[in-house]
N, C-alpha and C. Protein backbone atom coordinates (compact mmCIF):
# COMPACT_ATOMS: atom_id res chain seq x y z
N MET A 1 37.57 -180.17 50.65
CA MET A 1 38.66 -180.61 49.80
C MET A 1 39.09 -179.52 48.81
N PRO A 2 38.17 -178.75 48.22
CA PRO A 2 38.63 -177.70 47.29
C PRO A 2 39.54 -176.67 47.95
N TRP A 3 39.31 -176.36 49.21
CA TRP A 3 40.17 -175.38 49.89
C TRP A 3 41.58 -175.94 50.06
N PHE A 4 41.69 -177.26 50.27
CA PHE A 4 43.00 -177.89 50.41
C PHE A 4 43.78 -177.81 49.10
N ILE A 5 43.11 -178.06 48.00
CA ILE A 5 43.77 -178.00 46.69
C ILE A 5 44.21 -176.57 46.39
N ALA A 6 43.34 -175.61 46.68
CA ALA A 6 43.71 -174.21 46.45
C ALA A 6 44.91 -173.81 47.31
N LEU A 7 44.92 -174.25 48.55
CA LEU A 7 46.05 -173.94 49.43
C LEU A 7 47.33 -174.61 48.92
N ALA A 8 47.21 -175.85 48.47
CA ALA A 8 48.39 -176.57 47.95
C ALA A 8 48.93 -175.88 46.70
N LEU A 9 48.04 -175.38 45.84
CA LEU A 9 48.49 -174.69 44.63
C LEU A 9 49.21 -173.38 44.95
N LEU A 10 48.95 -172.83 46.11
CA LEU A 10 49.65 -171.62 46.52
C LEU A 10 50.94 -171.93 47.28
N VAL A 11 50.90 -172.91 48.14
CA VAL A 11 52.03 -173.19 49.03
C VAL A 11 53.13 -174.00 48.34
N VAL A 12 52.77 -175.01 47.56
CA VAL A 12 53.78 -175.91 46.97
C VAL A 12 54.77 -175.16 46.08
N PRO A 13 54.35 -174.28 45.17
CA PRO A 13 55.37 -173.57 44.37
C PRO A 13 56.31 -172.71 45.22
N ILE A 14 55.78 -172.08 46.25
CA ILE A 14 56.63 -171.26 47.12
C ILE A 14 57.63 -172.16 47.85
N LEU A 15 57.17 -173.31 48.34
CA LEU A 15 58.04 -174.25 49.02
C LEU A 15 59.10 -174.79 48.06
N GLU A 16 58.70 -175.11 46.83
CA GLU A 16 59.66 -175.62 45.84
C GLU A 16 60.75 -174.59 45.55
N ILE A 17 60.37 -173.35 45.35
CA ILE A 17 61.34 -172.30 45.07
C ILE A 17 62.30 -172.13 46.25
N TYR A 18 61.75 -172.17 47.46
CA TYR A 18 62.59 -172.03 48.66
C TYR A 18 63.61 -173.17 48.73
N VAL A 19 63.15 -174.41 48.53
CA VAL A 19 64.06 -175.56 48.61
C VAL A 19 65.10 -175.50 47.50
N ILE A 20 64.71 -175.14 46.29
CA ILE A 20 65.67 -175.04 45.18
C ILE A 20 66.73 -173.98 45.51
N ILE A 21 66.32 -172.85 46.05
CA ILE A 21 67.28 -171.79 46.42
C ILE A 21 68.23 -172.28 47.50
N GLN A 22 67.68 -172.98 48.50
CA GLN A 22 68.53 -173.47 49.59
C GLN A 22 69.54 -174.49 49.09
N ILE A 23 69.12 -175.40 48.23
CA ILE A 23 70.05 -176.40 47.68
C ILE A 23 71.05 -175.71 46.76
N GLY A 24 70.59 -174.73 45.99
CA GLY A 24 71.49 -173.98 45.12
C GLY A 24 72.56 -173.24 45.90
N GLN A 25 72.24 -172.74 47.08
CA GLN A 25 73.24 -172.06 47.90
C GLN A 25 74.27 -173.03 48.46
N VAL A 26 73.85 -174.27 48.67
CA VAL A 26 74.78 -175.26 49.23
C VAL A 26 75.68 -175.87 48.15
N ILE A 27 75.09 -176.30 47.02
CA ILE A 27 75.90 -177.00 46.01
C ILE A 27 76.18 -176.14 44.76
N GLY A 28 75.54 -175.00 44.63
CA GLY A 28 75.77 -174.14 43.48
C GLY A 28 74.60 -174.20 42.50
N GLY A 29 74.53 -173.21 41.64
CA GLY A 29 73.41 -173.07 40.70
C GLY A 29 73.36 -174.14 39.64
N TRP A 30 74.50 -174.33 38.92
CA TRP A 30 74.50 -175.31 37.84
C TRP A 30 74.35 -176.75 38.33
N PRO A 31 75.00 -177.12 39.43
CA PRO A 31 74.75 -178.47 39.94
C PRO A 31 73.29 -178.69 40.36
N THR A 32 72.64 -177.65 40.85
CA THR A 32 71.23 -177.77 41.22
C THR A 32 70.38 -178.02 39.98
N VAL A 33 70.64 -177.27 38.92
CA VAL A 33 69.91 -177.47 37.67
C VAL A 33 70.18 -178.86 37.12
N ALA A 34 71.44 -179.29 37.17
CA ALA A 34 71.79 -180.63 36.69
C ALA A 34 71.08 -181.70 37.51
N LEU A 35 71.02 -181.52 38.83
CA LEU A 35 70.33 -182.48 39.69
C LEU A 35 68.84 -182.55 39.36
N LEU A 36 68.22 -181.41 39.10
CA LEU A 36 66.82 -181.39 38.71
C LEU A 36 66.60 -182.12 37.38
N LEU A 37 67.50 -181.92 36.43
CA LEU A 37 67.40 -182.60 35.13
C LEU A 37 67.59 -184.12 35.28
N VAL A 38 68.55 -184.53 36.10
CA VAL A 38 68.78 -185.96 36.33
C VAL A 38 67.57 -186.59 37.00
N GLU A 39 67.00 -185.91 38.00
CA GLU A 39 65.79 -186.42 38.67
C GLU A 39 64.64 -186.57 37.68
N SER A 40 64.48 -185.59 36.80
CA SER A 40 63.40 -185.67 35.81
C SER A 40 63.61 -186.83 34.84
N ALA A 41 64.85 -187.01 34.38
CA ALA A 41 65.14 -188.11 33.45
C ALA A 41 64.94 -189.46 34.13
N LEU A 42 65.44 -189.59 35.35
CA LEU A 42 65.26 -190.83 36.10
C LEU A 42 63.78 -191.09 36.36
N GLY A 43 63.06 -190.04 36.71
CA GLY A 43 61.61 -190.18 36.94
C GLY A 43 60.88 -190.62 35.69
N ALA A 44 61.22 -190.04 34.55
CA ALA A 44 60.57 -190.43 33.29
C ALA A 44 60.84 -191.89 32.96
N TRP A 45 62.07 -192.34 33.20
CA TRP A 45 62.41 -193.75 32.93
C TRP A 45 61.63 -194.68 33.86
N ILE A 46 61.55 -194.33 35.14
CA ILE A 46 60.82 -195.16 36.10
C ILE A 46 59.33 -195.16 35.78
N ILE A 47 58.79 -194.02 35.40
CA ILE A 47 57.36 -193.94 35.05
C ILE A 47 57.07 -194.85 33.86
N LYS A 48 57.94 -194.81 32.87
CA LYS A 48 57.74 -195.65 31.69
C LYS A 48 57.76 -197.12 32.07
N ARG A 49 58.74 -197.52 32.86
CA ARG A 49 58.88 -198.92 33.26
C ARG A 49 57.71 -199.37 34.13
N GLU A 50 57.38 -198.60 35.16
CA GLU A 50 56.31 -198.99 36.08
C GLU A 50 54.93 -198.85 35.44
N GLY A 51 54.79 -197.89 34.55
CA GLY A 51 53.52 -197.76 33.82
C GLY A 51 53.27 -198.97 32.94
N ARG A 52 54.32 -199.45 32.29
CA ARG A 52 54.19 -200.65 31.47
C ARG A 52 53.84 -201.87 32.33
N ARG A 53 54.49 -201.98 33.48
CA ARG A 53 54.18 -203.09 34.41
C ARG A 53 52.73 -203.02 34.88
N ALA A 54 52.29 -201.83 35.24
CA ALA A 54 50.91 -201.67 35.72
C ALA A 54 49.92 -202.00 34.61
N TRP A 55 50.21 -201.58 33.39
CA TRP A 55 49.33 -201.88 32.25
C TRP A 55 49.25 -203.38 32.00
N ASN A 56 50.40 -204.06 32.03
CA ASN A 56 50.42 -205.51 31.84
C ASN A 56 49.66 -206.23 32.96
N ALA A 57 49.82 -205.77 34.19
CA ALA A 57 49.10 -206.39 35.31
C ALA A 57 47.60 -206.17 35.18
N LEU A 58 47.21 -205.01 34.71
CA LEU A 58 45.78 -204.71 34.52
C LEU A 58 45.20 -205.59 33.42
N GLN A 59 45.92 -205.73 32.31
CA GLN A 59 45.45 -206.61 31.23
C GLN A 59 45.36 -208.06 31.71
N SER A 60 46.33 -208.49 32.48
CA SER A 60 46.32 -209.86 33.00
C SER A 60 45.13 -210.09 33.93
N ALA A 61 44.82 -209.10 34.76
CA ALA A 61 43.67 -209.22 35.66
C ALA A 61 42.37 -209.33 34.86
N PHE A 62 42.25 -208.54 33.82
CA PHE A 62 41.04 -208.60 33.00
C PHE A 62 40.93 -209.94 32.27
N GLN A 63 42.06 -210.45 31.79
CA GLN A 63 42.04 -211.73 31.07
C GLN A 63 41.70 -212.90 31.98
N THR A 64 42.13 -212.84 33.23
CA THR A 64 41.84 -213.93 34.16
C THR A 64 40.49 -213.74 34.84
N GLY A 65 39.86 -212.61 34.64
CA GLY A 65 38.54 -212.37 35.21
C GLY A 65 38.55 -211.98 36.68
N LYS A 66 39.70 -211.57 37.21
CA LYS A 66 39.75 -211.17 38.61
C LYS A 66 39.52 -209.66 38.72
N MET A 67 39.03 -209.25 39.87
CA MET A 67 38.76 -207.83 40.11
C MET A 67 40.08 -207.08 40.18
N PRO A 68 40.29 -206.05 39.34
CA PRO A 68 41.60 -205.39 39.26
C PRO A 68 41.76 -204.22 40.24
N GLY A 69 41.37 -204.38 41.49
CA GLY A 69 41.46 -203.30 42.46
C GLY A 69 42.88 -202.83 42.70
N ARG A 70 43.76 -203.76 42.97
CA ARG A 70 45.16 -203.42 43.24
C ARG A 70 45.80 -202.81 41.99
N GLU A 71 45.50 -203.38 40.85
CA GLU A 71 46.10 -202.90 39.61
C GLU A 71 45.64 -201.48 39.28
N LEU A 72 44.35 -201.20 39.50
CA LEU A 72 43.84 -199.84 39.26
C LEU A 72 44.45 -198.85 40.25
N SER A 73 44.62 -199.28 41.49
CA SER A 73 45.25 -198.42 42.49
C SER A 73 46.68 -198.09 42.08
N ASP A 74 47.41 -199.11 41.63
CA ASP A 74 48.79 -198.88 41.19
C ASP A 74 48.82 -197.93 40.00
N ALA A 75 47.92 -198.12 39.05
CA ALA A 75 47.89 -197.24 37.88
C ALA A 75 47.61 -195.79 38.29
N ALA A 76 46.69 -195.60 39.22
CA ALA A 76 46.38 -194.24 39.69
C ALA A 76 47.58 -193.63 40.39
N LEU A 77 48.25 -194.41 41.23
CA LEU A 77 49.42 -193.89 41.94
C LEU A 77 50.56 -193.57 40.97
N ILE A 78 50.75 -194.39 39.94
CA ILE A 78 51.79 -194.11 38.95
C ILE A 78 51.45 -192.85 38.16
N LEU A 79 50.19 -192.65 37.85
CA LEU A 79 49.78 -191.44 37.14
C LEU A 79 50.05 -190.19 37.98
N VAL A 80 49.64 -190.22 39.23
CA VAL A 80 49.86 -189.06 40.11
C VAL A 80 51.35 -188.88 40.37
N GLY A 81 52.05 -189.98 40.65
CA GLY A 81 53.49 -189.90 40.90
C GLY A 81 54.25 -189.40 39.69
N GLY A 82 53.84 -189.84 38.51
CA GLY A 82 54.49 -189.37 37.28
C GLY A 82 54.30 -187.88 37.07
N THR A 83 53.11 -187.41 37.36
CA THR A 83 52.85 -185.97 37.25
C THR A 83 53.74 -185.19 38.22
N LEU A 84 53.87 -185.71 39.43
CA LEU A 84 54.72 -185.03 40.41
C LEU A 84 56.19 -185.08 40.02
N LEU A 85 56.63 -186.21 39.45
CA LEU A 85 58.03 -186.32 39.05
C LEU A 85 58.39 -185.41 37.88
N LEU A 86 57.45 -185.20 37.00
CA LEU A 86 57.73 -184.34 35.84
C LEU A 86 57.58 -182.86 36.17
N THR A 87 57.05 -182.56 37.35
CA THR A 87 56.97 -181.18 37.82
C THR A 87 58.33 -180.82 38.41
N PRO A 88 58.92 -179.70 37.98
CA PRO A 88 60.24 -179.37 38.49
C PRO A 88 60.20 -179.04 39.98
N GLY A 89 61.13 -179.60 40.72
CA GLY A 89 61.24 -179.33 42.14
C GLY A 89 61.60 -180.59 42.91
N PHE A 90 62.17 -180.38 44.09
CA PHE A 90 62.62 -181.50 44.90
C PHE A 90 61.51 -182.08 45.77
N VAL A 91 60.64 -181.24 46.29
CA VAL A 91 59.57 -181.71 47.19
C VAL A 91 58.59 -182.58 46.42
N THR A 92 58.16 -182.13 45.25
CA THR A 92 57.23 -182.94 44.46
C THR A 92 57.90 -184.23 43.98
N ASP A 93 59.22 -184.18 43.74
CA ASP A 93 59.93 -185.39 43.33
C ASP A 93 59.95 -186.44 44.44
N ILE A 94 60.08 -186.00 45.67
CA ILE A 94 60.06 -186.94 46.80
C ILE A 94 58.73 -187.69 46.84
N PHE A 95 57.62 -186.95 46.75
CA PHE A 95 56.31 -187.59 46.75
C PHE A 95 56.09 -188.42 45.49
N GLY A 96 56.58 -187.93 44.36
CA GLY A 96 56.45 -188.68 43.11
C GLY A 96 57.17 -190.01 43.17
N PHE A 97 58.39 -190.03 43.67
CA PHE A 97 59.12 -191.29 43.80
C PHE A 97 58.41 -192.22 44.79
N PHE A 98 57.84 -191.66 45.86
CA PHE A 98 57.12 -192.48 46.84
C PHE A 98 55.93 -193.19 46.20
N PHE A 99 55.23 -192.51 45.29
CA PHE A 99 54.07 -193.10 44.63
C PHE A 99 54.45 -194.08 43.52
N VAL A 100 55.61 -193.89 42.90
CA VAL A 100 55.96 -194.66 41.70
C VAL A 100 56.83 -195.87 41.99
N LEU A 101 57.75 -195.77 42.92
CA LEU A 101 58.69 -196.88 43.15
C LEU A 101 57.96 -198.12 43.66
N PRO A 102 58.31 -199.30 43.14
CA PRO A 102 57.57 -200.52 43.48
C PRO A 102 57.67 -200.93 44.95
N PHE A 103 58.72 -200.52 45.66
CA PHE A 103 58.84 -200.91 47.06
C PHE A 103 58.19 -199.92 48.02
N THR A 104 57.83 -198.72 47.57
CA THR A 104 57.11 -197.78 48.42
C THR A 104 55.63 -197.65 48.02
N ARG A 105 55.29 -198.10 46.83
CA ARG A 105 53.90 -198.00 46.36
C ARG A 105 52.90 -198.73 47.25
N PRO A 106 53.22 -199.92 47.80
CA PRO A 106 52.25 -200.55 48.70
C PRO A 106 51.89 -199.68 49.91
N LEU A 107 52.86 -198.95 50.44
CA LEU A 107 52.56 -198.03 51.54
C LEU A 107 51.62 -196.92 51.08
N ALA A 108 51.90 -196.37 49.91
CA ALA A 108 51.04 -195.32 49.36
C ALA A 108 49.65 -195.87 49.06
N ARG A 109 49.58 -197.11 48.57
CA ARG A 109 48.29 -197.73 48.27
C ARG A 109 47.46 -197.90 49.53
N ARG A 110 48.10 -198.35 50.61
CA ARG A 110 47.37 -198.50 51.88
C ARG A 110 46.89 -197.15 52.40
N ALA A 111 47.74 -196.14 52.31
CA ALA A 111 47.34 -194.80 52.75
C ALA A 111 46.17 -194.29 51.91
N MET A 112 46.24 -194.50 50.60
CA MET A 112 45.15 -194.07 49.71
C MET A 112 43.86 -194.83 50.04
N SER A 113 43.98 -196.11 50.29
CA SER A 113 42.81 -196.93 50.61
C SER A 113 42.15 -196.46 51.89
N SER A 114 42.95 -196.22 52.92
CA SER A 114 42.35 -195.78 54.19
C SER A 114 41.76 -194.38 54.05
N PHE A 115 42.41 -193.51 53.27
CA PHE A 115 41.87 -192.17 53.05
C PHE A 115 40.50 -192.24 52.37
N PHE A 116 40.40 -193.02 51.28
CA PHE A 116 39.13 -193.11 50.57
C PHE A 116 38.07 -193.83 51.39
N ASN A 117 38.47 -194.83 52.16
CA ASN A 117 37.50 -195.51 53.03
C ASN A 117 36.92 -194.54 54.07
N ARG A 118 37.80 -193.72 54.66
CA ARG A 118 37.32 -192.72 55.63
C ARG A 118 36.40 -191.70 54.97
N ARG A 119 36.78 -191.24 53.78
CA ARG A 119 35.95 -190.25 53.08
C ARG A 119 34.58 -190.82 52.75
N ILE A 120 34.55 -192.06 52.26
CA ILE A 120 33.28 -192.68 51.88
C ILE A 120 32.44 -192.95 53.11
N THR A 121 33.07 -193.42 54.18
CA THR A 121 32.34 -193.66 55.43
C THR A 121 31.73 -192.37 55.94
N THR A 122 32.48 -191.29 55.86
CA THR A 122 31.95 -189.99 56.29
C THR A 122 30.79 -189.57 55.41
N GLN A 123 30.93 -189.74 54.10
CA GLN A 123 29.87 -189.34 53.17
C GLN A 123 28.61 -190.17 53.35
N LEU A 124 28.77 -191.45 53.72
CA LEU A 124 27.62 -192.33 53.88
C LEU A 124 27.05 -192.28 55.29
N GLY A 125 27.58 -191.41 56.12
CA GLY A 125 27.05 -191.27 57.46
C GLY A 125 27.43 -192.42 58.38
N GLY A 126 28.62 -192.99 58.21
CA GLY A 126 29.10 -194.04 59.08
C GLY A 126 28.80 -195.44 58.59
N ALA A 127 28.10 -195.59 57.47
CA ALA A 127 27.76 -196.93 56.99
C ALA A 127 28.99 -197.66 56.49
N GLY A 128 29.88 -196.99 55.79
CA GLY A 128 31.11 -197.60 55.30
C GLY A 128 30.87 -198.56 54.16
N LEU A 129 31.91 -198.83 53.42
CA LEU A 129 31.85 -199.82 52.35
C LEU A 129 32.73 -201.01 52.66
N GLY A 130 33.68 -200.85 53.56
CA GLY A 130 34.55 -201.96 53.92
C GLY A 130 35.46 -202.35 52.78
N GLY A 131 36.71 -201.94 52.83
CA GLY A 131 37.65 -202.33 51.79
C GLY A 131 37.29 -201.75 50.45
N PHE A 132 37.17 -200.43 50.36
CA PHE A 132 36.78 -199.76 49.13
C PHE A 132 37.64 -200.18 47.96
N ILE A 133 38.94 -200.30 48.17
CA ILE A 133 39.84 -200.71 47.11
C ILE A 133 40.27 -202.13 47.40
N PRO A 134 39.73 -203.11 46.69
CA PRO A 134 40.07 -204.51 46.96
C PRO A 134 41.56 -204.76 46.80
N GLY A 135 42.10 -205.52 47.73
CA GLY A 135 43.52 -205.87 47.67
C GLY A 135 44.44 -204.76 48.09
N ALA A 136 43.88 -203.64 48.58
CA ALA A 136 44.72 -202.52 48.96
C ALA A 136 44.86 -202.38 50.46
N GLY A 137 44.49 -203.39 51.21
CA GLY A 137 44.70 -203.35 52.64
C GLY A 137 43.47 -203.00 53.45
N GLY A 138 42.38 -202.65 52.81
CA GLY A 138 41.16 -202.32 53.55
C GLY A 138 40.41 -203.59 53.89
N GLY A 139 39.97 -203.69 55.11
CA GLY A 139 39.24 -204.88 55.53
C GLY A 139 37.76 -204.61 55.57
N PRO A 140 36.97 -205.65 55.77
CA PRO A 140 35.52 -205.46 55.82
C PRO A 140 35.10 -204.68 57.06
N THR A 141 34.08 -203.88 56.89
CA THR A 141 33.52 -203.12 57.98
C THR A 141 32.47 -203.98 58.65
N PRO A 142 32.47 -204.06 59.99
CA PRO A 142 31.46 -204.87 60.65
C PRO A 142 30.07 -204.33 60.37
N PRO A 143 29.07 -205.22 60.32
CA PRO A 143 27.72 -204.76 60.02
C PRO A 143 27.21 -203.80 61.08
N ARG A 144 26.43 -202.86 60.63
CA ARG A 144 25.84 -201.87 61.52
C ARG A 144 24.73 -202.52 62.31
N PRO A 145 24.66 -202.30 63.61
CA PRO A 145 23.56 -202.89 64.37
C PRO A 145 22.24 -202.27 63.93
N SER A 146 21.26 -203.13 63.76
CA SER A 146 19.97 -202.62 63.31
C SER A 146 19.19 -202.08 64.49
N SER A 147 18.37 -201.12 64.22
CA SER A 147 17.50 -200.55 65.25
C SER A 147 16.07 -200.71 64.78
N SER A 148 15.17 -200.39 65.65
CA SER A 148 13.75 -200.54 65.30
C SER A 148 13.36 -199.59 64.18
N ASP A 149 14.17 -198.54 63.95
CA ASP A 149 13.86 -197.60 62.87
C ASP A 149 14.10 -198.22 61.50
N ASP A 150 14.93 -199.29 61.45
CA ASP A 150 15.24 -199.92 60.18
C ASP A 150 14.16 -200.91 59.74
N VAL A 151 13.22 -201.25 60.61
CA VAL A 151 12.19 -202.23 60.29
C VAL A 151 11.01 -201.53 59.62
N ILE A 152 10.64 -202.05 58.47
CA ILE A 152 9.49 -201.51 57.75
C ILE A 152 8.39 -202.56 57.79
N GLN A 153 7.27 -202.22 58.40
CA GLN A 153 6.14 -203.13 58.48
C GLN A 153 5.44 -203.17 57.14
N GLY A 154 5.05 -204.37 56.72
CA GLY A 154 4.36 -204.49 55.44
C GLY A 154 3.92 -205.91 55.20
N GLU A 155 3.36 -206.14 54.04
CA GLU A 155 2.85 -207.45 53.66
C GLU A 155 3.39 -207.79 52.29
N VAL A 156 3.88 -209.02 52.12
CA VAL A 156 4.41 -209.47 50.84
C VAL A 156 3.25 -210.03 50.02
N ILE A 157 3.12 -209.52 48.82
CA ILE A 157 2.03 -209.95 47.95
C ILE A 157 2.64 -210.62 46.74
N ASP A 158 2.22 -211.86 46.49
CA ASP A 158 2.71 -212.63 45.35
C ASP A 158 1.72 -212.41 44.22
N PRO A 159 2.12 -211.80 43.09
CA PRO A 159 1.18 -211.51 42.01
C PRO A 159 0.66 -212.77 41.32
N ASP A 160 1.38 -213.90 41.44
CA ASP A 160 0.94 -215.13 40.79
C ASP A 160 -0.19 -215.82 41.56
N LYS A 161 -0.29 -215.58 42.84
CA LYS A 161 -1.36 -216.17 43.64
C LYS A 161 -2.50 -215.19 43.79
N LYS A 162 -3.72 -215.70 43.64
CA LYS A 162 -4.88 -214.81 43.74
C LYS A 162 -5.75 -215.18 44.91
């Protein structure tokens, strides 16, 4: 994973500059700057609105005593999406809007859930956790078949009986 982040930190700025130049050649320099400013302002407004909704949903989940899996997932996606939206560029804005908008966030939540479930399953050697993020689309993992290696022979000793 660290190599992927390092590669992204090198490739994304180059890609952003390339896309900005290409759009600037088509619509002009000042309209491109204006479009970037409008996207940033719109993104900030959406982040504020959706962040408030996510916070209220999280508080409501805590007050009702339900597990806030979906609400925490939404908050994480809004945080990442907000960071991408406030980063100048068109490519990061596309991903930022995908994470923040209420009608695309469920798709992002399912993708995030399956990604983390696969990562955890890999880390646990295939054991899996089954639905790592509750309410995010992950289902239970079927139980692992037991083998004779899982049986530990022993004797149960009750300390109260002598």
